[in-house]
N, C-alpha and C. Protein backbone atom coordinates (compact mmCIF):
# COMPACT_ATOMS: atom_id res chain seq x y z
N UNK A 1 80.63 34.93 163.48
CA UNK A 1 79.52 33.75 163.38
C UNK A 1 79.33 32.58 164.34
N UNK A 2 78.15 32.41 164.78
CA UNK A 2 77.94 31.53 166.02
C UNK A 2 78.13 30.07 165.22
N UNK A 3 78.88 29.25 165.98
CA UNK A 3 78.99 27.97 165.59
C UNK A 3 77.68 26.95 165.65
N UNK A 4 76.63 27.49 166.44
CA UNK A 4 75.34 26.60 166.40
C UNK A 4 74.33 27.83 166.73
N UNK A 5 72.97 27.26 166.12
CA UNK A 5 72.06 28.14 166.12
C UNK A 5 70.89 27.31 166.55
N UNK A 6 70.04 27.33 167.87
CA UNK A 6 69.11 26.52 168.25
C UNK A 6 67.74 27.26 168.07
N UNK A 7 66.94 26.80 167.52
CA UNK A 7 65.62 27.39 166.71
C UNK A 7 64.40 26.97 167.65
N UNK A 8 63.57 27.68 167.98
CA UNK A 8 62.10 27.48 168.42
C UNK A 8 61.46 27.01 167.09
N UNK A 9 60.23 26.31 167.26
CA UNK A 9 59.48 25.79 165.97
C UNK A 9 58.47 26.74 165.72
N UNK A 10 57.24 26.49 166.42
CA UNK A 10 56.05 27.33 166.20
C UNK A 10 56.39 28.60 166.44
N UNK A 11 55.90 29.44 165.11
CA UNK A 11 55.79 30.82 165.00
C UNK A 11 57.40 31.33 164.65
N UNK A 12 58.67 30.65 164.51
CA UNK A 12 59.49 30.93 164.29
C UNK A 12 60.17 30.35 162.80
N UNK A 13 60.27 28.82 162.81
CA UNK A 13 60.28 28.28 161.32
C UNK A 13 59.13 27.92 160.69
N UNK A 14 58.13 27.73 161.38
CA UNK A 14 56.63 26.93 161.00
C UNK A 14 55.45 27.65 161.50
N UNK A 15 54.63 28.11 160.54
CA UNK A 15 53.33 28.62 160.82
C UNK A 15 52.27 27.63 161.16
N UNK A 16 52.01 27.29 162.19
CA UNK A 16 51.38 26.20 162.85
C UNK A 16 50.07 26.71 163.30
N UNK A 17 49.94 27.91 163.58
CA UNK A 17 48.40 28.64 164.27
C UNK A 17 47.24 28.27 163.78
N UNK A 18 47.01 28.23 162.29
CA UNK A 18 45.57 27.60 162.04
C UNK A 18 45.32 26.31 162.48
N UNK A 19 46.15 25.47 162.40
CA UNK A 19 45.95 23.92 162.72
C UNK A 19 45.62 24.11 164.29
N UNK A 20 46.65 24.59 165.01
CA UNK A 20 46.39 24.89 166.37
C UNK A 20 45.21 25.08 166.79
N UNK A 21 44.57 26.15 166.30
CA UNK A 21 43.28 26.81 166.31
C UNK A 21 42.16 26.03 166.25
N UNK A 22 42.43 25.27 165.07
CA UNK A 22 41.37 24.33 164.73
C UNK A 22 41.23 22.97 165.54
N UNK A 23 42.59 22.68 165.75
CA UNK A 23 42.48 21.20 166.47
C UNK A 23 41.87 21.79 168.04
N UNK A 24 42.37 22.70 168.67
CA UNK A 24 41.86 23.17 169.83
C UNK A 24 40.49 23.53 170.12
N UNK A 25 39.68 23.78 168.92
CA UNK A 25 38.53 24.23 169.11
C UNK A 25 37.49 23.03 168.82
N UNK A 26 38.06 22.33 167.92
CA UNK A 26 37.38 21.01 167.80
C UNK A 26 37.39 20.02 169.10
N UNK A 27 38.54 20.08 169.67
CA UNK A 27 38.51 19.31 171.18
C UNK A 27 37.76 19.94 172.09
N UNK A 28 37.66 21.32 172.19
CA UNK A 28 36.89 22.11 173.19
C UNK A 28 35.26 21.75 172.82
N UNK A 29 34.99 21.87 171.70
CA UNK A 29 33.50 21.56 171.32
C UNK A 29 33.09 20.44 171.61
N UNK A 30 33.84 19.26 171.37
CA UNK A 30 33.45 17.99 171.99
C UNK A 30 33.47 18.01 173.35
N UNK A 31 33.77 18.74 174.25
CA UNK A 31 33.77 18.81 175.58
C UNK A 31 32.63 19.90 175.77
N UNK A 32 32.18 20.48 175.15
CA UNK A 32 31.06 21.42 175.14
C UNK A 32 31.38 22.81 175.96
N UNK A 33 32.95 23.13 175.62
CA UNK A 33 33.55 24.41 175.99
C UNK A 33 33.41 25.24 174.85
N UNK A 34 33.70 26.47 175.10
CA UNK A 34 33.64 27.59 174.08
C UNK A 34 34.94 27.70 173.35
N UNK A 35 34.81 28.21 172.08
CA UNK A 35 36.07 28.28 171.23
C UNK A 35 36.94 29.54 171.28
N UNK A 36 37.86 29.53 170.80
CA UNK A 36 38.79 30.73 170.75
C UNK A 36 39.00 31.19 169.51
N UNK A 37 39.30 32.68 169.20
CA UNK A 37 39.54 33.32 168.04
C UNK A 37 41.05 32.85 167.81
N UNK A 38 41.50 33.15 166.60
CA UNK A 38 42.61 33.00 166.29
C UNK A 38 43.71 33.70 166.78
N UNK A 39 43.65 35.22 167.01
CA UNK A 39 44.22 35.97 167.83
C UNK A 39 44.43 35.68 169.35
N UNK A 40 43.22 35.16 170.12
CA UNK A 40 43.26 34.46 171.18
C UNK A 40 44.45 33.33 171.25
N UNK A 41 44.39 32.25 170.60
CA UNK A 41 45.31 31.28 170.21
C UNK A 41 46.47 31.56 170.18
N UNK A 42 46.58 32.74 169.30
CA UNK A 42 48.05 33.04 168.99
C UNK A 42 48.95 33.67 170.51
N UNK A 43 47.74 34.48 171.10
CA UNK A 43 48.61 34.83 172.63
C UNK A 43 48.56 33.73 173.26
N UNK A 44 48.10 32.62 173.14
CA UNK A 44 47.88 31.61 174.24
C UNK A 44 49.05 30.49 174.06
N UNK A 45 49.73 30.44 172.75
CA UNK A 45 50.70 29.23 172.65
C UNK A 45 52.03 29.76 173.22
N UNK A 46 52.96 28.59 173.19
CA UNK A 46 54.27 28.90 173.60
C UNK A 46 54.80 28.14 174.81
N UNK A 47 53.94 27.62 175.57
CA UNK A 47 54.30 26.68 176.87
C UNK A 47 54.00 25.43 176.90
N UNK A 48 53.63 25.10 175.74
CA UNK A 48 53.36 23.49 175.46
C UNK A 48 51.80 23.20 175.16
N UNK A 49 51.60 21.89 174.72
CA UNK A 49 50.36 21.65 174.80
C UNK A 49 49.60 21.44 175.80
N UNK A 50 50.04 20.90 176.62
CA UNK A 50 49.41 20.56 178.18
C UNK A 50 49.12 22.06 178.89
N UNK A 51 50.01 23.01 178.94
CA UNK A 51 49.89 24.42 179.28
C UNK A 51 48.44 25.00 178.34
N UNK A 52 48.55 24.70 177.20
CA UNK A 52 47.72 25.17 176.49
C UNK A 52 46.32 24.73 176.83
N UNK A 53 46.03 23.52 176.92
CA UNK A 53 44.90 22.77 177.25
C UNK A 53 44.34 23.45 178.59
N UNK A 54 45.16 23.44 179.59
CA UNK A 54 44.64 24.13 180.92
C UNK A 54 44.27 25.28 180.63
N UNK A 55 45.06 26.27 179.97
CA UNK A 55 44.46 27.77 179.77
C UNK A 55 43.08 27.77 178.97
N UNK A 56 43.09 26.68 178.23
CA UNK A 56 41.86 26.87 177.15
C UNK A 56 40.41 26.42 177.99
N UNK A 57 40.56 25.36 178.93
CA UNK A 57 39.38 24.90 179.67
C UNK A 57 38.99 26.06 180.58
N UNK A 58 37.70 26.06 180.51
CA UNK A 58 36.86 27.09 181.69
C UNK A 58 37.52 27.19 182.81
N UNK A 59 37.78 28.33 183.70
CA UNK A 59 38.11 28.02 184.91
C UNK A 59 37.22 27.11 185.85
N UNK A 60 37.92 26.40 186.75
CA UNK A 60 37.11 25.54 187.47
C UNK A 60 37.03 24.05 186.86
N UNK A 61 37.56 23.91 185.85
CA UNK A 61 37.16 22.55 184.98
C UNK A 61 38.11 21.56 185.94
N UNK A 62 37.48 20.53 186.39
CA UNK A 62 38.31 19.45 186.81
C UNK A 62 39.44 18.97 186.12
N UNK A 63 40.62 18.47 186.87
CA UNK A 63 41.87 18.08 186.44
C UNK A 63 41.79 17.06 185.68
N UNK A 64 40.85 16.04 185.98
CA UNK A 64 40.38 14.77 185.17
C UNK A 64 40.05 15.27 183.70
N UNK A 65 39.06 16.10 183.59
CA UNK A 65 38.52 16.64 182.29
C UNK A 65 39.61 17.36 181.63
N UNK A 66 40.44 18.05 182.08
CA UNK A 66 41.39 18.68 181.53
C UNK A 66 42.41 17.95 180.87
N UNK A 67 42.60 16.78 181.69
CA UNK A 67 43.65 15.72 181.40
C UNK A 67 43.03 14.94 179.98
N UNK A 68 41.71 14.97 180.16
CA UNK A 68 40.95 14.38 178.96
C UNK A 68 40.96 15.18 177.37
N UNK A 69 40.62 16.49 177.79
CA UNK A 69 40.97 17.24 177.05
C UNK A 69 42.37 17.34 176.25
N UNK A 70 43.40 17.17 176.97
CA UNK A 70 44.78 17.11 176.52
C UNK A 70 44.81 15.82 175.71
N UNK A 71 44.57 14.67 176.17
CA UNK A 71 44.43 13.40 175.40
C UNK A 71 43.70 13.56 174.03
N UNK A 72 42.70 13.95 174.33
CA UNK A 72 41.69 14.08 172.90
C UNK A 72 42.67 15.11 171.87
N UNK A 73 42.78 16.03 172.08
CA UNK A 73 43.71 17.29 171.53
C UNK A 73 44.82 16.63 170.91
N UNK A 74 45.61 15.92 171.64
CA UNK A 74 46.80 15.17 170.93
C UNK A 74 46.43 14.03 169.76
N UNK A 75 45.29 13.41 170.34
CA UNK A 75 44.83 12.39 169.25
C UNK A 75 44.28 12.96 167.87
N UNK A 76 43.73 14.16 167.93
CA UNK A 76 43.07 14.86 166.85
C UNK A 76 44.08 15.59 166.22
N UNK A 77 45.14 16.24 166.83
CA UNK A 77 46.12 16.97 166.50
C UNK A 77 47.13 16.31 165.64
N UNK A 78 47.37 14.73 165.80
CA UNK A 78 48.50 13.99 165.60
C UNK A 78 47.80 13.66 163.92
N UNK A 79 46.69 13.72 163.77
CA UNK A 79 46.09 13.53 162.38
C UNK A 79 45.81 14.70 161.53
N UNK A 80 45.83 15.98 162.15
CA UNK A 80 45.36 17.16 161.65
C UNK A 80 46.51 18.41 161.65
N UNK A 81 47.65 18.03 162.29
CA UNK A 81 48.80 18.63 162.40
C UNK A 81 49.37 19.54 161.08
N UNK A 82 49.14 18.97 159.88
CA UNK A 82 49.49 19.66 158.80
C UNK A 82 48.76 19.78 157.67
N UNK A 83 47.44 20.25 158.22
CA UNK A 83 46.13 20.48 157.06
C UNK A 83 46.57 21.61 156.65
N UNK A 84 47.11 22.97 157.27
CA UNK A 84 47.52 24.10 156.85
C UNK A 84 48.85 24.59 157.16
N UNK A 85 49.46 23.80 157.94
CA UNK A 85 50.80 24.23 158.25
C UNK A 85 51.86 24.40 157.12
N UNK A 86 52.55 25.42 157.53
CA UNK A 86 53.55 25.55 155.99
C UNK A 86 54.90 26.26 156.84
N UNK A 87 56.07 26.02 156.38
CA UNK A 87 57.36 26.78 156.60
C UNK A 87 57.15 28.30 156.47
N UNK A 88 57.47 29.27 157.10
CA UNK A 88 57.88 30.55 156.63
C UNK A 88 58.58 30.84 155.41
N UNK A 89 58.47 31.50 154.65
CA UNK A 89 58.85 31.63 153.13
C UNK A 89 60.33 32.10 153.47
N UNK A 90 61.40 31.23 152.84
CA UNK A 90 62.83 31.55 152.93
C UNK A 90 63.32 30.68 153.99
N UNK A 91 62.68 30.01 154.77
CA UNK A 91 63.48 29.34 156.08
C UNK A 91 64.36 28.13 155.71
N UNK A 92 63.86 27.24 154.57
CA UNK A 92 64.55 26.40 154.15
C UNK A 92 65.97 26.58 153.50
N UNK A 93 65.88 27.60 152.77
CA UNK A 93 66.96 28.16 152.20
C UNK A 93 67.84 28.80 153.05
N UNK A 94 67.37 29.81 154.23
CA UNK A 94 67.97 30.29 155.04
C UNK A 94 68.85 28.96 155.98
N UNK A 95 68.28 28.04 156.38
CA UNK A 95 68.90 26.95 157.22
C UNK A 95 70.20 26.40 156.47
N UNK A 96 69.91 26.19 154.95
CA UNK A 96 70.86 25.58 153.95
C UNK A 96 72.08 26.51 153.73
N UNK A 97 71.66 27.79 153.84
CA UNK A 97 72.92 28.90 154.09
C UNK A 97 73.59 28.96 155.01
N UNK A 98 73.16 28.62 156.24
CA UNK A 98 73.91 28.54 157.56
C UNK A 98 74.81 27.37 157.39
N UNK A 99 73.92 26.20 157.10
CA UNK A 99 74.96 25.02 157.44
C UNK A 99 76.08 24.81 156.16
N UNK A 100 75.86 25.48 154.99
CA UNK A 100 76.75 25.69 154.05
C UNK A 100 77.95 26.30 154.37
N UNK A 101 77.94 27.47 155.64
CA UNK A 101 78.71 28.24 155.98
C UNK A 101 79.46 27.66 157.27
N UNK A 102 78.94 26.24 157.65
CA UNK A 102 79.51 25.61 158.90
C UNK A 102 78.58 25.80 160.28
N UNK A 103 77.35 26.49 160.00
CA UNK A 103 76.72 26.72 161.30
C UNK A 103 75.93 25.40 161.59
N UNK A 104 75.91 24.94 162.70
CA UNK A 104 75.25 23.56 163.08
C UNK A 104 73.93 23.98 163.43
N UNK A 105 72.90 23.64 163.14
CA UNK A 105 71.42 23.97 163.37
C UNK A 105 70.70 23.07 164.18
N UNK A 106 69.91 23.47 165.16
CA UNK A 106 68.87 22.56 165.81
C UNK A 106 67.52 23.40 166.00
N UNK A 107 66.45 22.23 166.44
CA UNK A 107 65.19 22.73 166.74
C UNK A 107 64.77 22.18 168.22
N UNK A 108 64.37 23.00 169.04
CA UNK A 108 63.74 22.67 170.22
C UNK A 108 62.58 23.18 170.49
N UNK A 109 61.33 22.51 170.91
CA UNK A 109 60.15 22.93 170.73
C UNK A 109 59.32 22.63 172.14
N UNK A 110 58.24 23.31 172.73
CA UNK A 110 57.24 23.00 173.84
C UNK A 110 56.17 22.02 172.99
N UNK A 111 56.27 22.10 171.73
CA UNK A 111 55.32 21.27 171.11
C UNK A 111 55.34 19.56 171.39
N UNK A 112 54.60 18.97 171.50
CA UNK A 112 54.76 17.30 171.87
C UNK A 112 55.89 17.07 170.93
N UNK A 113 56.64 16.01 171.31
CA UNK A 113 57.62 15.51 170.46
C UNK A 113 57.13 14.64 169.33
N UNK A 114 55.85 14.08 169.12
CA UNK A 114 55.18 13.41 168.35
C UNK A 114 54.99 14.29 167.23
N UNK A 115 54.35 15.24 167.67
CA UNK A 115 53.98 16.40 166.58
C UNK A 115 55.27 17.09 165.69
N UNK A 116 56.35 17.27 166.86
CA UNK A 116 57.45 18.18 166.19
C UNK A 116 58.34 16.91 165.22
N UNK A 117 58.42 15.76 165.62
CA UNK A 117 59.02 14.73 164.75
C UNK A 117 58.40 14.59 163.39
N UNK A 118 57.05 14.48 163.26
CA UNK A 118 56.14 14.37 162.36
C UNK A 118 56.42 15.62 161.18
N UNK A 119 56.22 16.97 161.71
CA UNK A 119 56.19 17.86 161.26
C UNK A 119 57.69 18.29 160.45
N UNK A 120 58.64 17.89 161.42
CA UNK A 120 60.08 18.09 160.64
C UNK A 120 60.48 17.25 159.92
N UNK A 121 59.74 15.83 159.79
CA UNK A 121 59.94 15.12 158.59
C UNK A 121 59.24 15.50 157.36
N UNK A 122 58.14 15.99 157.45
CA UNK A 122 57.28 16.54 156.37
C UNK A 122 58.09 17.81 155.93
N UNK A 123 58.49 18.64 156.34
CA UNK A 123 58.84 20.08 155.87
C UNK A 123 60.35 20.37 156.25
N UNK A 124 60.97 19.61 156.89
CA UNK A 124 62.45 19.79 157.17
C UNK A 124 63.34 18.56 156.91
N UNK A 125 62.81 17.74 156.11
CA UNK A 125 63.86 16.39 156.20
C UNK A 125 65.32 16.71 155.87
N UNK A 126 66.11 16.28 156.95
CA UNK A 126 67.56 16.71 156.73
C UNK A 126 67.75 17.92 156.80
N UNK A 127 67.12 18.71 157.03
CA UNK A 127 67.60 20.17 157.15
C UNK A 127 68.50 20.51 158.48
N UNK A 128 67.92 20.02 159.48
CA UNK A 128 68.35 20.20 160.87
C UNK A 128 69.11 19.18 161.46
N UNK A 129 70.27 19.53 162.32
CA UNK A 129 71.33 18.88 162.58
C UNK A 129 70.65 17.95 164.01
N UNK A 130 69.74 18.39 164.71
CA UNK A 130 68.99 17.82 166.00
C UNK A 130 67.74 18.25 166.26
N UNK A 131 66.79 17.63 166.78
CA UNK A 131 65.53 18.02 166.68
C UNK A 131 65.03 17.39 168.01
N UNK A 132 64.18 17.98 168.94
CA UNK A 132 63.71 17.67 170.27
C UNK A 132 62.32 18.54 170.50
N UNK A 133 61.37 17.51 170.62
CA UNK A 133 60.26 18.55 171.42
C UNK A 133 60.01 17.92 172.61
N UNK A 134 58.94 18.43 173.36
CA UNK A 134 58.53 18.25 174.72
C UNK A 134 58.34 16.79 174.96
N UNK A 135 58.86 16.23 176.08
CA UNK A 135 58.69 14.96 176.41
C UNK A 135 58.73 15.13 178.10
N UNK A 136 58.18 13.83 178.57
CA UNK A 136 58.05 13.79 179.98
C UNK A 136 59.51 13.90 180.51
N UNK A 137 60.56 13.47 179.84
CA UNK A 137 61.84 13.17 180.49
C UNK A 137 62.75 14.35 180.58
N UNK A 138 62.31 15.52 180.24
CA UNK A 138 63.09 16.87 180.17
C UNK A 138 61.98 18.06 180.42
N UNK A 139 62.51 18.68 181.18
CA UNK A 139 61.58 19.98 181.36
C UNK A 139 61.37 20.82 180.15
N UNK A 140 60.39 21.43 180.12
CA UNK A 140 59.85 22.30 178.71
C UNK A 140 60.48 23.53 179.09
N UNK A 141 60.81 24.46 177.96
CA UNK A 141 61.20 25.73 178.19
C UNK A 141 60.34 26.46 178.91
N UNK A 142 60.70 27.66 179.69
CA UNK A 142 62.02 28.15 179.59
C UNK A 142 63.05 27.60 180.54
N UNK A 143 62.88 26.56 181.16
CA UNK A 143 64.00 25.62 181.68
C UNK A 143 64.76 25.22 180.45
N UNK A 144 66.05 25.57 180.66
CA UNK A 144 67.37 25.60 179.49
C UNK A 144 67.68 23.92 179.24
N UNK A 145 67.26 23.07 179.75
CA UNK A 145 67.60 21.67 179.51
C UNK A 145 67.49 21.39 178.08
N UNK A 146 66.35 21.69 177.42
CA UNK A 146 66.27 21.41 176.17
C UNK A 146 67.56 21.92 175.11
N UNK A 147 67.69 23.24 175.60
CA UNK A 147 68.63 24.05 174.71
C UNK A 147 70.02 23.14 175.25
N UNK A 148 70.54 22.97 176.31
CA UNK A 148 71.76 22.30 176.56
C UNK A 148 71.68 21.01 175.82
N UNK A 149 70.78 20.25 175.81
CA UNK A 149 70.74 18.89 175.19
C UNK A 149 70.90 19.05 173.42
N UNK A 150 70.70 20.37 173.06
CA UNK A 150 70.75 20.71 171.47
C UNK A 150 72.35 21.04 171.57
N UNK A 151 72.97 22.20 172.32
CA UNK A 151 74.20 22.36 172.26
C UNK A 151 75.22 21.22 172.52
N UNK A 152 74.53 20.25 173.14
CA UNK A 152 75.66 19.28 173.34
C UNK A 152 75.63 18.16 172.14
N UNK A 153 74.46 18.39 171.47
CA UNK A 153 74.22 17.33 170.51
C UNK A 153 75.06 18.03 169.31
N UNK A 154 75.28 19.15 169.21
CA UNK A 154 75.77 20.18 168.33
C UNK A 154 77.30 20.13 168.49
N UNK A 155 77.74 19.70 169.70
CA UNK A 155 79.07 20.10 170.24
C UNK A 155 79.38 21.51 170.12
N UNK A 156 78.61 22.19 170.61
CA UNK A 156 78.68 23.68 171.03
C UNK A 156 78.56 24.10 172.36
N UNK A 157 78.88 25.37 172.74
CA UNK A 157 78.62 25.52 174.06
C UNK A 157 78.02 27.05 174.53
N UNK A 158 77.90 27.62 175.27
CA UNK A 158 77.60 28.97 175.51
C UNK A 158 78.22 30.14 174.85
N UNK A 159 79.60 29.86 174.58
CA UNK A 159 80.41 31.01 174.04
C UNK A 159 80.03 30.90 172.48
N UNK A 160 79.67 30.09 171.84
CA UNK A 160 79.39 30.28 170.36
C UNK A 160 78.20 29.75 169.97
N UNK A 161 77.00 29.81 170.65
CA UNK A 161 75.51 29.53 170.49
C UNK A 161 74.76 30.68 170.51
N UNK A 162 73.54 30.74 169.58
CA UNK A 162 72.50 31.45 169.70
C UNK A 162 71.25 30.92 169.70
N UNK A 163 70.01 31.39 170.10
CA UNK A 163 68.77 30.89 170.18
C UNK A 163 67.85 31.88 169.48
N UNK A 164 67.23 31.41 168.77
CA UNK A 164 66.13 31.99 167.86
C UNK A 164 64.67 31.79 168.27
N UNK A 165 63.95 32.52 168.56
CA UNK A 165 62.58 32.43 168.78
C UNK A 165 61.80 33.70 168.65
N UNK A 166 60.37 33.27 168.83
CA UNK A 166 59.46 34.48 168.59
C UNK A 166 58.63 34.87 169.87
N UNK A 167 58.71 34.22 171.15
CA UNK A 167 57.99 34.63 172.27
C UNK A 167 58.95 35.22 173.58
N UNK A 168 57.85 35.52 174.38
CA UNK A 168 58.69 35.74 175.74
C UNK A 168 59.13 34.70 176.34
N UNK A 169 58.60 33.28 176.12
CA UNK A 169 59.10 32.14 176.48
C UNK A 169 60.38 31.92 175.97
N UNK A 170 60.84 32.10 174.69
CA UNK A 170 62.04 32.01 174.11
C UNK A 170 63.14 33.00 174.75
N UNK A 171 62.69 34.35 174.85
CA UNK A 171 63.52 35.05 175.38
C UNK A 171 64.07 34.70 176.68
N UNK A 172 63.20 34.13 177.64
CA UNK A 172 63.50 33.51 178.89
C UNK A 172 64.41 32.15 178.95
N UNK A 173 64.23 31.40 178.00
CA UNK A 173 64.87 30.37 177.64
C UNK A 173 66.31 30.41 177.37
N UNK A 174 66.56 31.42 176.48
CA UNK A 174 67.79 32.01 176.11
C UNK A 174 68.53 32.63 177.17
N UNK A 175 67.91 33.48 178.16
CA UNK A 175 68.50 34.06 179.17
C UNK A 175 69.02 32.95 180.32
N UNK A 176 68.08 31.96 180.42
CA UNK A 176 68.29 30.83 181.36
C UNK A 176 69.43 29.89 180.90
N UNK A 177 69.41 29.72 179.70
CA UNK A 177 70.67 28.93 179.09
C UNK A 177 71.82 29.61 178.93
N UNK A 178 71.86 31.01 179.22
CA UNK A 178 73.18 31.66 179.22
C UNK A 178 73.53 31.93 177.87
N UNK A 179 72.78 32.39 176.70
CA UNK A 179 73.21 32.57 175.39
C UNK A 179 72.16 33.46 174.64
N UNK A 180 72.85 34.51 173.57
CA UNK A 180 72.19 35.63 173.12
C UNK A 180 70.64 34.90 172.49
N UNK A 181 69.78 35.77 172.29
CA UNK A 181 68.48 35.47 171.94
C UNK A 181 68.07 36.57 170.51
N UNK A 182 67.78 35.93 169.51
CA UNK A 182 67.34 36.65 168.45
C UNK A 182 65.73 36.64 168.29
N UNK A 183 65.02 37.37 168.53
CA UNK A 183 63.56 37.14 168.58
C UNK A 183 63.01 37.87 167.20
N UNK A 184 62.31 36.86 166.52
CA UNK A 184 61.72 37.09 164.95
C UNK A 184 60.54 37.85 165.33
N UNK A 185 60.06 38.84 164.41
CA UNK A 185 58.69 39.39 164.68
C UNK A 185 57.69 39.22 163.74
N UNK A 186 57.91 37.90 163.07
CA UNK A 186 56.80 37.34 161.94
C UNK A 186 55.92 36.31 162.85
N UNK A 187 56.17 36.05 164.21
CA UNK A 187 55.63 34.65 164.82
C UNK A 187 54.45 35.11 165.47
N UNK A 188 54.16 34.47 166.77
CA UNK A 188 53.29 34.48 167.53
C UNK A 188 52.99 35.64 168.39
N UNK A 189 53.83 36.89 168.33
CA UNK A 189 53.95 37.87 169.38
C UNK A 189 54.74 39.00 168.62
N UNK A 190 53.86 40.06 169.01
CA UNK A 190 54.25 41.42 168.35
C UNK A 190 55.50 42.12 168.82
N UNK A 191 56.37 42.88 168.03
CA UNK A 191 57.32 43.33 168.41
C UNK A 191 57.29 44.37 169.61
N UNK A 192 56.14 45.08 170.02
CA UNK A 192 56.06 45.72 171.33
C UNK A 192 56.24 44.91 172.59
N UNK A 193 55.48 43.74 172.40
CA UNK A 193 55.49 42.50 173.58
C UNK A 193 56.65 42.19 173.65
N UNK A 194 57.46 41.68 172.36
CA UNK A 194 58.75 41.04 172.75
C UNK A 194 59.71 42.19 173.47
N UNK A 195 59.58 43.36 173.11
CA UNK A 195 60.42 44.46 173.60
C UNK A 195 60.15 44.49 175.26
N UNK A 196 58.84 44.45 175.40
CA UNK A 196 58.39 44.77 176.74
C UNK A 196 58.67 43.51 177.66
N UNK A 197 59.03 42.51 177.18
CA UNK A 197 59.28 41.06 178.03
C UNK A 197 60.86 40.71 177.61
N UNK A 198 61.73 41.40 177.43
CA UNK A 198 63.15 41.51 177.42
C UNK A 198 63.78 41.39 176.24
N UNK A 199 63.30 41.12 175.21
CA UNK A 199 63.78 40.82 173.90
C UNK A 199 64.91 42.24 173.34
N UNK A 200 65.94 41.89 173.09
CA UNK A 200 66.90 43.03 172.97
C UNK A 200 67.22 43.13 171.47
N UNK A 201 66.97 41.89 170.52
CA UNK A 201 67.42 42.26 169.16
C UNK A 201 66.30 41.31 168.33
N UNK A 202 65.55 42.42 167.84
CA UNK A 202 64.37 42.03 166.77
C UNK A 202 65.03 41.72 165.66
N UNK A 203 64.38 40.64 164.87
CA UNK A 203 64.96 40.40 163.52
C UNK A 203 63.41 40.44 162.91
N UNK A 204 63.29 41.17 161.66
CA UNK A 204 62.12 41.45 160.73
C UNK A 204 62.14 40.69 159.64
N UNK A 205 63.07 39.90 159.13
CA UNK A 205 62.86 39.27 158.00
C UNK A 205 63.93 38.00 157.70
N UNK A 206 63.66 36.71 157.39
CA UNK A 206 64.33 35.56 157.55
C UNK A 206 65.58 35.87 156.83
N UNK A 207 65.84 36.60 155.77
CA UNK A 207 67.26 36.97 155.30
C UNK A 207 68.03 37.48 156.34
N UNK A 208 67.47 38.60 157.11
CA UNK A 208 68.00 39.27 158.17
C UNK A 208 68.49 38.39 159.13
N UNK A 209 67.42 37.36 159.34
CA UNK A 209 68.18 36.37 160.41
C UNK A 209 69.16 35.51 160.14
N UNK A 210 69.36 35.19 158.94
CA UNK A 210 70.47 34.41 158.55
C UNK A 210 71.90 35.39 158.64
N UNK A 211 71.43 36.82 158.09
CA UNK A 211 72.84 37.57 158.40
C UNK A 211 73.01 37.69 159.82
N UNK A 212 72.28 37.78 160.89
CA UNK A 212 72.63 38.11 162.05
C UNK A 212 73.36 37.03 162.74
N UNK A 213 72.83 35.51 162.35
CA UNK A 213 73.60 34.56 162.81
C UNK A 213 74.97 34.33 162.13
N UNK A 214 75.03 34.60 160.93
CA UNK A 214 76.32 34.74 160.44
C UNK A 214 77.40 35.69 160.75
N UNK A 215 76.81 36.69 161.18
CA UNK A 215 77.41 38.06 161.74
C UNK A 215 78.08 37.70 163.03
N UNK A 216 77.15 36.74 163.67
CA UNK A 216 77.86 36.21 164.95
C UNK A 216 78.00 37.14 166.32
């Protein structure tokens, strides 16, 4: 059994895609930029909101306007981040099962800390032992510093921790942190994509994820 499990948020424990797409397209439309389909946004997320805005703006957009798009997105998303967002079925019970067995659990996300804190308070109050969103004072994933902060808070280390995510960013994050990665297949990347980008252990169900963490 792993002593600590560090989870990604979007696409791993929380389905945030509809609200991300709606907020992105609302903001782009306000700036006269074209919208993106749900499938396109699904493929774009994972590297943080500022990167998402940079990728979404048309090529050649001045940096000042990209920054303005980012600020406008954050303001709109802060009010609409929970319109359609829901936990994946069974996640709350699965984490409760882990904690009852003695596994300490954390969430680290490239989503802005303001949104992470709000969504965690709404959907997972008191469920996780440590929560950290993207902030200016700590590098975003796949840099391992967020995972290191979580392991320190959980009083765990590389020998007894596991990382759980749904994207190639998460695979790289776990590798950089020197811990195993469990890649879930219900999130924002397809199994074939995950395998092609280094995922070695794919998990197809929430129950199976809990089993894998407890098997350690």
